[in-house]
Amino acid sequence: DSVKPEDTAVYYCAARVEYYDDYVPRF
C-alpha cells in the first residue's frame, strides 16, 4: 500500500525450512 517510486524493483519470493514454530528468519 502507499507505494513509492523507490519501491520499484523485481520482487522475489523465497523459502527456507524452519522447524521452529513462530520463528521469523533474519533477512
mmCIF file of all heavy atoms, coordinates in Angstrom:
data_MODEL
# 
_entry.id   MODEL 
# 
loop_
_atom_site.group_PDB 
_atom_site.id 
_atom_site.type_symbol 
_atom_site.label_atom_id 
_atom_site.label_alt_id 
_atom_site.label_comp_id 
_atom_site.label_asym_id 
_atom_site.label_entity_id 
_atom_site.label_seq_id 
_atom_site.pdbx_PDB_ins_code 
_atom_site.Cartn_x 
_atom_site.Cartn_y 
_atom_site.Cartn_z 
_atom_site.occupancy 
_atom_site.B_iso_or_equiv 
_atom_site.pdbx_formal_charge 
_atom_site.auth_seq_id 
_atom_site.auth_comp_id 
_atom_site.auth_asym_id 
_atom_site.auth_atom_id 
_atom_site.pdbx_PDB_model_num 
ATOM 1   N N   . ASP A 1 1  ? 0.841  -1.196  0.000   1.00 0.00 ? 1  ASP A N   1 
ATOM 2   C CA  . ASP A 1 1  ? 0.000  0.000   0.000   1.00 0.00 ? 1  ASP A CA  1 
ATOM 3   C C   . ASP A 1 1  ? 0.877  1.248   0.000   1.00 0.00 ? 1  ASP A C   1 
ATOM 4   O O   . ASP A 1 1  ? 2.033  1.218   0.410   1.00 0.00 ? 1  ASP A O   1 
ATOM 5   C CB  . ASP A 1 1  ? -0.909 0.005   1.229   1.00 0.00 ? 1  ASP A CB  1 
ATOM 6   C CG  . ASP A 1 1  ? -1.877 -1.163  1.241   1.00 0.00 ? 1  ASP A CG  1 
ATOM 7   O OD1 . ASP A 1 1  ? -2.393 -1.506  0.161   1.00 0.00 ? 1  ASP A OD1 1 
ATOM 8   O OD2 . ASP A 1 1  ? -2.128 -1.725  2.327   1.00 0.00 ? 1  ASP A OD2 1 
ATOM 9   N N   . SER A 1 2  ? 0.298  2.335   -0.452  1.00 0.00 ? 2  SER A N   1 
ATOM 10  C CA  . SER A 1 2  ? 1.015  3.622   -0.483  1.00 0.00 ? 2  SER A CA  1 
ATOM 11  C C   . SER A 1 2  ? 2.393  3.467   -1.110  1.00 0.00 ? 2  SER A C   1 
ATOM 12  O O   . SER A 1 2  ? 3.403  3.911   -0.551  1.00 0.00 ? 2  SER A O   1 
ATOM 13  C CB  . SER A 1 2  ? 1.141  4.188   0.936   1.00 0.00 ? 2  SER A CB  1 
ATOM 14  O OG  . SER A 1 2  ? -0.124 4.339   1.546   1.00 0.00 ? 2  SER A OG  1 
ATOM 15  N N   . VAL A 1 3  ? 2.438  2.859   -2.257  1.00 0.00 ? 3  VAL A N   1 
ATOM 16  C CA  . VAL A 1 3  ? 3.730  2.574   -2.879  1.00 0.00 ? 3  VAL A CA  1 
ATOM 17  C C   . VAL A 1 3  ? 4.421  3.874   -3.296  1.00 0.00 ? 3  VAL A C   1 
ATOM 18  O O   . VAL A 1 3  ? 3.776  4.896   -3.568  1.00 0.00 ? 3  VAL A O   1 
ATOM 19  C CB  . VAL A 1 3  ? 3.584  1.626   -4.081  1.00 0.00 ? 3  VAL A CB  1 
ATOM 20  C CG1 . VAL A 1 3  ? 3.077  0.263   -3.616  1.00 0.00 ? 3  VAL A CG1 1 
ATOM 21  C CG2 . VAL A 1 3  ? 2.682  2.220   -5.157  1.00 0.00 ? 3  VAL A CG2 1 
ATOM 22  N N   . LYS A 1 4  ? 5.738  3.787   -3.346  1.00 0.00 ? 4  LYS A N   1 
ATOM 23  C CA  . LYS A 1 4  ? 6.576  4.931   -3.699  1.00 0.00 ? 4  LYS A CA  1 
ATOM 24  C C   . LYS A 1 4  ? 7.464  4.555   -4.878  1.00 0.00 ? 4  LYS A C   1 
ATOM 25  O O   . LYS A 1 4  ? 7.711  3.363   -5.115  1.00 0.00 ? 4  LYS A O   1 
ATOM 26  C CB  . LYS A 1 4  ? 7.463  5.302   -2.510  1.00 0.00 ? 4  LYS A CB  1 
ATOM 27  C CG  . LYS A 1 4  ? 6.705  5.595   -1.226  1.00 0.00 ? 4  LYS A CG  1 
ATOM 28  C CD  . LYS A 1 4  ? 7.677  5.842   -0.086  1.00 0.00 ? 4  LYS A CD  1 
ATOM 29  C CE  . LYS A 1 4  ? 6.944  6.128   1.219   1.00 0.00 ? 4  LYS A CE  1 
ATOM 30  N NZ  . LYS A 1 4  ? 7.895  6.358   2.350   1.00 0.00 ? 4  LYS A NZ  1 
ATOM 31  N N   . PRO A 1 5  ? 7.985  5.545   -5.596  1.00 0.00 ? 5  PRO A N   1 
ATOM 32  C CA  . PRO A 1 5  ? 8.887  5.223   -6.713  1.00 0.00 ? 5  PRO A CA  1 
ATOM 33  C C   . PRO A 1 5  ? 10.078 4.378   -6.276  1.00 0.00 ? 5  PRO A C   1 
ATOM 34  O O   . PRO A 1 5  ? 10.527 3.516   -7.041  1.00 0.00 ? 5  PRO A O   1 
ATOM 35  C CB  . PRO A 1 5  ? 9.326  6.605   -7.203  1.00 0.00 ? 5  PRO A CB  1 
ATOM 36  C CG  . PRO A 1 5  ? 8.171  7.498   -6.868  1.00 0.00 ? 5  PRO A CG  1 
ATOM 37  C CD  . PRO A 1 5  ? 7.654  6.979   -5.559  1.00 0.00 ? 5  PRO A CD  1 
ATOM 38  N N   . GLU A 1 6  ? 10.550 4.569   -5.065  1.00 0.00 ? 6  GLU A N   1 
ATOM 39  C CA  . GLU A 1 6  ? 11.686 3.774   -4.591  1.00 0.00 ? 6  GLU A CA  1 
ATOM 40  C C   . GLU A 1 6  ? 11.325 2.316   -4.293  1.00 0.00 ? 6  GLU A C   1 
ATOM 41  O O   . GLU A 1 6  ? 12.209 1.518   -3.986  1.00 0.00 ? 6  GLU A O   1 
ATOM 42  C CB  . GLU A 1 6  ? 12.312 4.417   -3.344  1.00 0.00 ? 6  GLU A CB  1 
ATOM 43  C CG  . GLU A 1 6  ? 11.329 4.765   -2.239  1.00 0.00 ? 6  GLU A CG  1 
ATOM 44  C CD  . GLU A 1 6  ? 10.884 6.226   -2.298  1.00 0.00 ? 6  GLU A CD  1 
ATOM 45  O OE1 . GLU A 1 6  ? 10.605 6.735   -3.411  1.00 0.00 ? 6  GLU A OE1 1 
ATOM 46  O OE2 . GLU A 1 6  ? 10.795 6.836   -1.211  1.00 0.00 ? 6  GLU A OE2 1 
ATOM 47  N N   . ASP A 1 7  ? 10.073 1.957   -4.405  1.00 0.00 ? 7  ASP A N   1 
ATOM 48  C CA  . ASP A 1 7  ? 9.677  0.550   -4.288  1.00 0.00 ? 7  ASP A CA  1 
ATOM 49  C C   . ASP A 1 7  ? 9.849  -0.189  -5.617  1.00 0.00 ? 7  ASP A C   1 
ATOM 50  O O   . ASP A 1 7  ? 9.653  -1.411  -5.662  1.00 0.00 ? 7  ASP A O   1 
ATOM 51  C CB  . ASP A 1 7  ? 8.212  0.437   -3.840  1.00 0.00 ? 7  ASP A CB  1 
ATOM 52  C CG  . ASP A 1 7  ? 7.989  0.960   -2.440  1.00 0.00 ? 7  ASP A CG  1 
ATOM 53  O OD1 . ASP A 1 7  ? 8.869  0.765   -1.571  1.00 0.00 ? 7  ASP A OD1 1 
ATOM 54  O OD2 . ASP A 1 7  ? 6.930  1.585   -2.205  1.00 0.00 ? 7  ASP A OD2 1 
ATOM 55  N N   . THR A 1 8  ? 10.194 0.510   -6.662  1.00 0.00 ? 8  THR A N   1 
ATOM 56  C CA  . THR A 1 8  ? 10.407 -0.109  -7.966  1.00 0.00 ? 8  THR A CA  1 
ATOM 57  C C   . THR A 1 8  ? 11.545 -1.117  -7.895  1.00 0.00 ? 8  THR A C   1 
ATOM 58  O O   . THR A 1 8  ? 12.652 -0.791  -7.478  1.00 0.00 ? 8  THR A O   1 
ATOM 59  C CB  . THR A 1 8  ? 10.730 0.959   -9.022  1.00 0.00 ? 8  THR A CB  1 
ATOM 60  O OG1 . THR A 1 8  ? 9.581  1.808   -9.185  1.00 0.00 ? 8  THR A OG1 1 
ATOM 61  C CG2 . THR A 1 8  ? 11.080 0.318   -10.360 1.00 0.00 ? 8  THR A CG2 1 
ATOM 62  N N   . ALA A 1 9  ? 11.253 -2.356  -8.281  1.00 0.00 ? 9  ALA A N   1 
ATOM 63  C CA  . ALA A 1 9  ? 12.245 -3.430  -8.211  1.00 0.00 ? 9  ALA A CA  1 
ATOM 64  C C   . ALA A 1 9  ? 11.631 -4.713  -8.746  1.00 0.00 ? 9  ALA A C   1 
ATOM 65  O O   . ALA A 1 9  ? 10.411 -4.784  -8.959  1.00 0.00 ? 9  ALA A O   1 
ATOM 66  C CB  . ALA A 1 9  ? 12.701 -3.644  -6.768  1.00 0.00 ? 9  ALA A CB  1 
ATOM 67  N N   . VAL A 1 10 ? 12.478 -5.705  -8.910  1.00 0.00 ? 10 VAL A N   1 
ATOM 68  C CA  . VAL A 1 10 ? 11.994 -7.067  -9.111  1.00 0.00 ? 10 VAL A CA  1 
ATOM 69  C C   . VAL A 1 10 ? 11.827 -7.683  -7.724  1.00 0.00 ? 10 VAL A C   1 
ATOM 70  O O   . VAL A 1 10 ? 12.755 -7.637  -6.905  1.00 0.00 ? 10 VAL A O   1 
ATOM 71  C CB  . VAL A 1 10 ? 12.964 -7.907  -9.949  1.00 0.00 ? 10 VAL A CB  1 
ATOM 72  C CG1 . VAL A 1 10 ? 12.455 -9.340  -10.077 1.00 0.00 ? 10 VAL A CG1 1 
ATOM 73  C CG2 . VAL A 1 10 ? 13.158 -7.283  -11.331 1.00 0.00 ? 10 VAL A CG2 1 
ATOM 74  N N   . TYR A 1 11 ? 10.648 -8.222  -7.476  1.00 0.00 ? 11 TYR A N   1 
ATOM 75  C CA  . TYR A 1 11 ? 10.332 -8.803  -6.166  1.00 0.00 ? 11 TYR A CA  1 
ATOM 76  C C   . TYR A 1 11 ? 10.382 -10.318 -6.255  1.00 0.00 ? 11 TYR A C   1 
ATOM 77  O O   . TYR A 1 11 ? 9.806  -10.921 -7.167  1.00 0.00 ? 11 TYR A O   1 
ATOM 78  C CB  . TYR A 1 11 ? 8.950  -8.341  -5.711  1.00 0.00 ? 11 TYR A CB  1 
ATOM 79  C CG  . TYR A 1 11 ? 8.954  -6.929  -5.183  1.00 0.00 ? 11 TYR A CG  1 
ATOM 80  C CD1 . TYR A 1 11 ? 9.107  -5.847  -6.047  1.00 0.00 ? 11 TYR A CD1 1 
ATOM 81  C CD2 . TYR A 1 11 ? 8.831  -6.671  -3.823  1.00 0.00 ? 11 TYR A CD2 1 
ATOM 82  C CE1 . TYR A 1 11 ? 9.147  -4.544  -5.564  1.00 0.00 ? 11 TYR A CE1 1 
ATOM 83  C CE2 . TYR A 1 11 ? 8.864  -5.372  -3.323  1.00 0.00 ? 11 TYR A CE2 1 
ATOM 84  C CZ  . TYR A 1 11 ? 9.028  -4.320  -4.210  1.00 0.00 ? 11 TYR A CZ  1 
ATOM 85  O OH  . TYR A 1 11 ? 9.070  -3.032  -3.730  1.00 0.00 ? 11 TYR A OH  1 
ATOM 86  N N   . TYR A 1 12 ? 11.073 -10.911 -5.281  1.00 0.00 ? 12 TYR A N   1 
ATOM 87  C CA  . TYR A 1 12 ? 11.259 -12.346 -5.232  1.00 0.00 ? 12 TYR A CA  1 
ATOM 88  C C   . TYR A 1 12 ? 10.648 -12.929 -3.961  1.00 0.00 ? 12 TYR A C   1 
ATOM 89  O O   . TYR A 1 12 ? 10.777 -12.352 -2.887  1.00 0.00 ? 12 TYR A O   1 
ATOM 90  C CB  . TYR A 1 12 ? 12.744 -12.694 -5.248  1.00 0.00 ? 12 TYR A CB  1 
ATOM 91  C CG  . TYR A 1 12 ? 13.478 -12.248 -6.480  1.00 0.00 ? 12 TYR A CG  1 
ATOM 92  C CD1 . TYR A 1 12 ? 14.118 -11.009 -6.529  1.00 0.00 ? 12 TYR A CD1 1 
ATOM 93  C CD2 . TYR A 1 12 ? 13.556 -13.073 -7.601  1.00 0.00 ? 12 TYR A CD2 1 
ATOM 94  C CE1 . TYR A 1 12 ? 14.803 -10.599 -7.657  1.00 0.00 ? 12 TYR A CE1 1 
ATOM 95  C CE2 . TYR A 1 12 ? 14.241 -12.664 -8.733  1.00 0.00 ? 12 TYR A CE2 1 
ATOM 96  C CZ  . TYR A 1 12 ? 14.856 -11.431 -8.757  1.00 0.00 ? 12 TYR A CZ  1 
ATOM 97  O OH  . TYR A 1 12 ? 15.527 -11.026 -9.876  1.00 0.00 ? 12 TYR A OH  1 
ATOM 98  N N   . CYS A 1 13 ? 10.056 -14.085 -4.127  1.00 0.00 ? 13 CYS A N   1 
ATOM 99  C CA  . CYS A 1 13 ? 9.585  -14.871 -3.000  1.00 0.00 ? 13 CYS A CA  1 
ATOM 100 C C   . CYS A 1 13 ? 10.645 -15.941 -2.722  1.00 0.00 ? 13 CYS A C   1 
ATOM 101 O O   . CYS A 1 13 ? 11.201 -16.522 -3.657  1.00 0.00 ? 13 CYS A O   1 
ATOM 102 C CB  . CYS A 1 13 ? 8.249  -15.504 -3.381  1.00 0.00 ? 13 CYS A CB  1 
ATOM 103 S SG  . CYS A 1 13 ? 7.611  -16.706 -2.221  1.00 0.00 ? 13 CYS A SG  1 
ATOM 104 N N   . ALA A 1 14 ? 10.921 -16.193 -1.461  1.00 0.00 ? 14 ALA A N   1 
ATOM 105 C CA  . ALA A 1 14 ? 11.922 -17.185 -1.091  1.00 0.00 ? 14 ALA A CA  1 
ATOM 106 C C   . ALA A 1 14 ? 11.436 -17.988 0.107   1.00 0.00 ? 14 ALA A C   1 
ATOM 107 O O   . ALA A 1 14 ? 10.608 -17.515 0.892   1.00 0.00 ? 14 ALA A O   1 
ATOM 108 C CB  . ALA A 1 14 ? 13.253 -16.514 -0.765  1.00 0.00 ? 14 ALA A CB  1 
ATOM 109 N N   . ALA A 1 15 ? 11.980 -19.188 0.236   1.00 0.00 ? 15 ALA A N   1 
ATOM 110 C CA  . ALA A 1 15 ? 11.551 -20.076 1.324   1.00 0.00 ? 15 ALA A CA  1 
ATOM 111 C C   . ALA A 1 15 ? 12.747 -20.788 1.938   1.00 0.00 ? 15 ALA A C   1 
ATOM 112 O O   . ALA A 1 15 ? 13.739 -21.059 1.260   1.00 0.00 ? 15 ALA A O   1 
ATOM 113 C CB  . ALA A 1 15 ? 10.548 -21.103 0.810   1.00 0.00 ? 15 ALA A CB  1 
ATOM 114 N N   . ARG A 1 16 ? 12.641 -21.060 3.213   1.00 0.00 ? 16 ARG A N   1 
ATOM 115 C CA  . ARG A 1 16 ? 13.639 -21.872 3.898   1.00 0.00 ? 16 ARG A CA  1 
ATOM 116 C C   . ARG A 1 16 ? 12.916 -22.756 4.900   1.00 0.00 ? 16 ARG A C   1 
ATOM 117 O O   . ARG A 1 16 ? 11.908 -22.358 5.506   1.00 0.00 ? 16 ARG A O   1 
ATOM 118 C CB  . ARG A 1 16 ? 14.686 -21.020 4.612   1.00 0.00 ? 16 ARG A CB  1 
ATOM 119 C CG  . ARG A 1 16 ? 14.140 -20.014 5.599   1.00 0.00 ? 16 ARG A CG  1 
ATOM 120 C CD  . ARG A 1 16 ? 15.260 -19.358 6.397   1.00 0.00 ? 16 ARG A CD  1 
ATOM 121 N NE  . ARG A 1 16 ? 15.671 -20.168 7.532   1.00 0.00 ? 16 ARG A NE  1 
ATOM 122 C CZ  . ARG A 1 16 ? 16.935 -20.372 7.877   1.00 0.00 ? 16 ARG A CZ  1 
ATOM 123 N NH1 . ARG A 1 16 ? 17.910 -19.845 7.161   1.00 0.00 ? 16 ARG A NH1 1 
ATOM 124 N NH2 . ARG A 1 16 ? 17.229 -21.096 8.941   1.00 0.00 ? 16 ARG A NH2 1 
ATOM 125 N N   . VAL A 1 17 ? 13.420 -23.946 5.068   1.00 0.00 ? 17 VAL A N   1 
ATOM 126 C CA  . VAL A 1 17 ? 12.830 -24.866 6.030   1.00 0.00 ? 17 VAL A CA  1 
ATOM 127 C C   . VAL A 1 17 ? 13.036 -24.296 7.427   1.00 0.00 ? 17 VAL A C   1 
ATOM 128 O O   . VAL A 1 17 ? 14.142 -23.878 7.778   1.00 0.00 ? 17 VAL A O   1 
ATOM 129 C CB  . VAL A 1 17 ? 13.465 -26.266 5.921   1.00 0.00 ? 17 VAL A CB  1 
ATOM 130 C CG1 . VAL A 1 17 ? 12.933 -27.161 7.033   1.00 0.00 ? 17 VAL A CG1 1 
ATOM 131 C CG2 . VAL A 1 17 ? 13.169 -26.875 4.562   1.00 0.00 ? 17 VAL A CG2 1 
ATOM 132 N N   . GLU A 1 18 ? 11.970 -24.276 8.191   1.00 0.00 ? 18 GLU A N   1 
ATOM 133 C CA  . GLU A 1 18 ? 12.037 -23.762 9.548   1.00 0.00 ? 18 GLU A CA  1 
ATOM 134 C C   . GLU A 1 18 ? 11.143 -24.607 10.442  1.00 0.00 ? 18 GLU A C   1 
ATOM 135 O O   . GLU A 1 18 ? 9.925  -24.485 10.413  1.00 0.00 ? 18 GLU A O   1 
ATOM 136 C CB  . GLU A 1 18 ? 11.605 -22.301 9.578   1.00 0.00 ? 18 GLU A CB  1 
ATOM 137 C CG  . GLU A 1 18 ? 11.892 -21.578 10.885  1.00 0.00 ? 18 GLU A CG  1 
ATOM 138 C CD  . GLU A 1 18 ? 13.338 -21.754 11.300  1.00 0.00 ? 18 GLU A CD  1 
ATOM 139 O OE1 . GLU A 1 18 ? 14.219 -21.168 10.661  1.00 0.00 ? 18 GLU A OE1 1 
ATOM 140 O OE2 . GLU A 1 18 ? 13.586 -22.484 12.292  1.00 0.00 ? 18 GLU A OE2 1 
ATOM 141 N N   . TYR A 1 19 ? 11.781 -25.463 11.242  1.00 0.00 ? 19 TYR A N   1 
ATOM 142 C CA  . TYR A 1 19 ? 11.012 -26.386 12.073  1.00 0.00 ? 19 TYR A CA  1 
ATOM 143 C C   . TYR A 1 19 ? 10.555 -25.764 13.393  1.00 0.00 ? 19 TYR A C   1 
ATOM 144 O O   . TYR A 1 19 ? 9.722  -26.333 14.093  1.00 0.00 ? 19 TYR A O   1 
ATOM 145 C CB  . TYR A 1 19 ? 11.827 -27.643 12.346  1.00 0.00 ? 19 TYR A CB  1 
ATOM 146 C CG  . TYR A 1 19 ? 12.034 -28.491 11.101  1.00 0.00 ? 19 TYR A CG  1 
ATOM 147 C CD1 . TYR A 1 19 ? 13.307 -28.679 10.575  1.00 0.00 ? 19 TYR A CD1 1 
ATOM 148 C CD2 . TYR A 1 19 ? 10.953 -29.075 10.462  1.00 0.00 ? 19 TYR A CD2 1 
ATOM 149 C CE1 . TYR A 1 19 ? 13.497 -29.440 9.435   1.00 0.00 ? 19 TYR A CE1 1 
ATOM 150 C CE2 . TYR A 1 19 ? 11.135 -29.842 9.321   1.00 0.00 ? 19 TYR A CE2 1 
ATOM 151 C CZ  . TYR A 1 19 ? 12.409 -30.030 8.816   1.00 0.00 ? 19 TYR A CZ  1 
ATOM 152 O OH  . TYR A 1 19 ? 12.587 -30.781 7.693   1.00 0.00 ? 19 TYR A OH  1 
ATOM 153 N N   . TYR A 1 20 ? 11.102 -24.577 13.715  1.00 0.00 ? 20 TYR A N   1 
ATOM 154 C CA  . TYR A 1 20 ? 10.697 -23.919 14.954  1.00 0.00 ? 20 TYR A CA  1 
ATOM 155 C C   . TYR A 1 20 ? 9.508  -23.012 14.671  1.00 0.00 ? 20 TYR A C   1 
ATOM 156 O O   . TYR A 1 20 ? 9.640  -21.994 13.980  1.00 0.00 ? 20 TYR A O   1 
ATOM 157 C CB  . TYR A 1 20 ? 11.857 -23.116 15.534  1.00 0.00 ? 20 TYR A CB  1 
ATOM 158 C CG  . TYR A 1 20 ? 12.994 -23.978 16.000  1.00 0.00 ? 20 TYR A CG  1 
ATOM 159 C CD1 . TYR A 1 20 ? 14.112 -24.183 15.213  1.00 0.00 ? 20 TYR A CD1 1 
ATOM 160 C CD2 . TYR A 1 20 ? 12.935 -24.601 17.250  1.00 0.00 ? 20 TYR A CD2 1 
ATOM 161 C CE1 . TYR A 1 20 ? 15.149 -24.990 15.635  1.00 0.00 ? 20 TYR A CE1 1 
ATOM 162 C CE2 . TYR A 1 20 ? 13.971 -25.409 17.688  1.00 0.00 ? 20 TYR A CE2 1 
ATOM 163 C CZ  . TYR A 1 20 ? 15.074 -25.600 16.872  1.00 0.00 ? 20 TYR A CZ  1 
ATOM 164 O OH  . TYR A 1 20 ? 16.098 -26.397 17.306  1.00 0.00 ? 20 TYR A OH  1 
ATOM 165 N N   . ASP A 1 21 ? 8.375  -23.381 15.204  1.00 0.00 ? 21 ASP A N   1 
ATOM 166 C CA  . ASP A 1 21 ? 7.186  -22.556 15.020  1.00 0.00 ? 21 ASP A CA  1 
ATOM 167 C C   . ASP A 1 21 ? 7.415  -21.175 15.601  1.00 0.00 ? 21 ASP A C   1 
ATOM 168 O O   . ASP A 1 21 ? 8.115  -21.013 16.598  1.00 0.00 ? 21 ASP A O   1 
ATOM 169 C CB  . ASP A 1 21 ? 5.981  -23.196 15.713  1.00 0.00 ? 21 ASP A CB  1 
ATOM 170 C CG  . ASP A 1 21 ? 5.524  -24.455 15.003  1.00 0.00 ? 21 ASP A CG  1 
ATOM 171 O OD1 . ASP A 1 21 ? 5.960  -24.687 13.861  1.00 0.00 ? 21 ASP A OD1 1 
ATOM 172 O OD2 . ASP A 1 21 ? 4.723  -25.204 15.592  1.00 0.00 ? 21 ASP A OD2 1 
ATOM 173 N N   . ASP A 1 22 ? 6.822  -20.195 14.975  1.00 0.00 ? 22 ASP A N   1 
ATOM 174 C CA  . ASP A 1 22 ? 6.863  -18.803 15.413  1.00 0.00 ? 22 ASP A CA  1 
ATOM 175 C C   . ASP A 1 22 ? 8.184  -18.096 15.104  1.00 0.00 ? 22 ASP A C   1 
ATOM 176 O O   . ASP A 1 22 ? 8.286  -16.898 15.310  1.00 0.00 ? 22 ASP A O   1 
ATOM 177 C CB  . ASP A 1 22 ? 6.597  -18.657 16.921  1.00 0.00 ? 22 ASP A CB  1 
ATOM 178 C CG  . ASP A 1 22 ? 5.204  -19.120 17.312  1.00 0.00 ? 22 ASP A CG  1 
ATOM 179 O OD1 . ASP A 1 22 ? 4.306  -19.019 16.458  1.00 0.00 ? 22 ASP A OD1 1 
ATOM 180 O OD2 . ASP A 1 22 ? 5.030  -19.574 18.457  1.00 0.00 ? 22 ASP A OD2 1 
ATOM 181 N N   . TYR A 1 23 ? 9.178  -18.817 14.633  1.00 0.00 ? 23 TYR A N   1 
ATOM 182 C CA  . TYR A 1 23 ? 10.467 -18.174 14.369  1.00 0.00 ? 23 TYR A CA  1 
ATOM 183 C C   . TYR A 1 23 ? 10.441 -17.468 13.012  1.00 0.00 ? 23 TYR A C   1 
ATOM 184 O O   . TYR A 1 23 ? 10.064 -18.055 12.000  1.00 0.00 ? 23 TYR A O   1 
ATOM 185 C CB  . TYR A 1 23 ? 11.596 -19.192 14.384  1.00 0.00 ? 23 TYR A CB  1 
ATOM 186 C CG  . TYR A 1 23 ? 12.944 -18.578 14.083  1.00 0.00 ? 23 TYR A CG  1 
ATOM 187 C CD1 . TYR A 1 23 ? 13.577 -17.763 15.023  1.00 0.00 ? 23 TYR A CD1 1 
ATOM 188 C CD2 . TYR A 1 23 ? 13.595 -18.809 12.873  1.00 0.00 ? 23 TYR A CD2 1 
ATOM 189 C CE1 . TYR A 1 23 ? 14.811 -17.182 14.747  1.00 0.00 ? 23 TYR A CE1 1 
ATOM 190 C CE2 . TYR A 1 23 ? 14.821 -18.237 12.589  1.00 0.00 ? 23 TYR A CE2 1 
ATOM 191 C CZ  . TYR A 1 23 ? 15.420 -17.429 13.533  1.00 0.00 ? 23 TYR A CZ  1 
ATOM 192 O OH  . TYR A 1 23 ? 16.634 -16.860 13.255  1.00 0.00 ? 23 TYR A OH  1 
ATOM 193 N N   . VAL A 1 24 ? 10.869 -16.223 13.007  1.00 0.00 ? 24 VAL A N   1 
ATOM 194 C CA  . VAL A 1 24 ? 10.971 -15.459 11.765  1.00 0.00 ? 24 VAL A CA  1 
ATOM 195 C C   . VAL A 1 24 ? 12.450 -15.303 11.430  1.00 0.00 ? 24 VAL A C   1 
ATOM 196 O O   . VAL A 1 24 ? 13.190 -14.673 12.184  1.00 0.00 ? 24 VAL A O   1 
ATOM 197 C CB  . VAL A 1 24 ? 10.336 -14.062 11.898  1.00 0.00 ? 24 VAL A CB  1 
ATOM 198 C CG1 . VAL A 1 24 ? 10.390 -13.320 10.563  1.00 0.00 ? 24 VAL A CG1 1 
ATOM 199 C CG2 . VAL A 1 24 ? 8.894  -14.185 12.372  1.00 0.00 ? 24 VAL A CG2 1 
ATOM 200 N N   . PRO A 1 25 ? 12.893 -15.852 10.336  1.00 0.00 ? 25 PRO A N   1 
ATOM 201 C CA  . PRO A 1 25 ? 14.313 -15.745 9.982   1.00 0.00 ? 25 PRO A CA  1 
ATOM 202 C C   . PRO A 1 25 ? 14.723 -14.300 9.728   1.00 0.00 ? 25 PRO A C   1 
ATOM 203 O O   . PRO A 1 25 ? 13.913 -13.470 9.313   1.00 0.00 ? 25 PRO A O   1 
ATOM 204 C CB  . PRO A 1 25 ? 14.427 -16.563 8.690   1.00 0.00 ? 25 PRO A CB  1 
ATOM 205 C CG  . PRO A 1 25 ? 13.204 -17.403 8.649   1.00 0.00 ? 25 PRO A CG  1 
ATOM 206 C CD  . PRO A 1 25 ? 12.141 -16.636 9.345   1.00 0.00 ? 25 PRO A CD  1 
ATOM 207 N N   . ARG A 1 26 ? 15.976 -14.028 9.981   1.00 0.00 ? 26 ARG A N   1 
ATOM 208 C CA  . ARG A 1 26 ? 16.526 -12.726 9.605   1.00 0.00 ? 26 ARG A CA  1 
ATOM 209 C C   . ARG A 1 26 ? 16.708 -12.679 8.095   1.00 0.00 ? 26 ARG A C   1 
ATOM 210 O O   . ARG A 1 26 ? 16.815 -13.712 7.428   1.00 0.00 ? 26 ARG A O   1 
ATOM 211 C CB  . ARG A 1 26 ? 17.866 -12.504 10.284  1.00 0.00 ? 26 ARG A CB  1 
ATOM 212 C CG  . ARG A 1 26 ? 17.762 -12.386 11.793  1.00 0.00 ? 26 ARG A CG  1 
ATOM 213 C CD  . ARG A 1 26 ? 19.106 -11.947 12.367  1.00 0.00 ? 26 ARG A CD  1 
ATOM 214 N NE  . ARG A 1 26 ? 19.059 -11.783 13.806  1.00 0.00 ? 26 ARG A NE  1 
ATOM 215 C CZ  . ARG A 1 26 ? 19.380 -12.717 14.673  1.00 0.00 ? 26 ARG A CZ  1 
ATOM 216 N NH1 . ARG A 1 26 ? 19.796 -13.888 14.236  1.00 0.00 ? 26 ARG A NH1 1 
ATOM 217 N NH2 . ARG A 1 26 ? 19.309 -12.488 15.962  1.00 0.00 ? 26 ARG A NH2 1 
ATOM 218 N N   . PHE A 1 27 ? 16.764 -11.500 7.544   1.00 0.00 ? 27 PHE A N   1 
ATOM 219 C CA  . PHE A 1 27 ? 16.901 -11.368 6.098   1.00 0.00 ? 27 PHE A CA  1 
ATOM 220 C C   . PHE A 1 27 ? 18.225 -11.953 5.598   1.00 0.00 ? 27 PHE A C   1 
ATOM 221 O O   . PHE A 1 27 ? 18.312 -12.390 4.454   1.00 0.00 ? 27 PHE A O   1 
ATOM 222 C CB  . PHE A 1 27 ? 16.815 -9.901  5.689   1.00 0.00 ? 27 PHE A CB  1 
ATOM 223 C CG  . PHE A 1 27 ? 15.457 -9.295  5.891   1.00 0.00 ? 27 PHE A CG  1 
ATOM 224 C CD1 . PHE A 1 27 ? 15.313 -8.098  6.575   1.00 0.00 ? 27 PHE A CD1 1 
ATOM 225 C CD2 . PHE A 1 27 ? 14.317 -9.904  5.391   1.00 0.00 ? 27 PHE A CD2 1 
ATOM 226 C CE1 . PHE A 1 27 ? 14.064 -7.536  6.775   1.00 0.00 ? 27 PHE A CE1 1 
ATOM 227 C CE2 . PHE A 1 27 ? 13.057 -9.347  5.584   1.00 0.00 ? 27 PHE A CE2 1 
ATOM 228 C CZ  . PHE A 1 27 ? 12.934 -8.151  6.281   1.00 0.00 ? 27 PHE A CZ  1 
# 
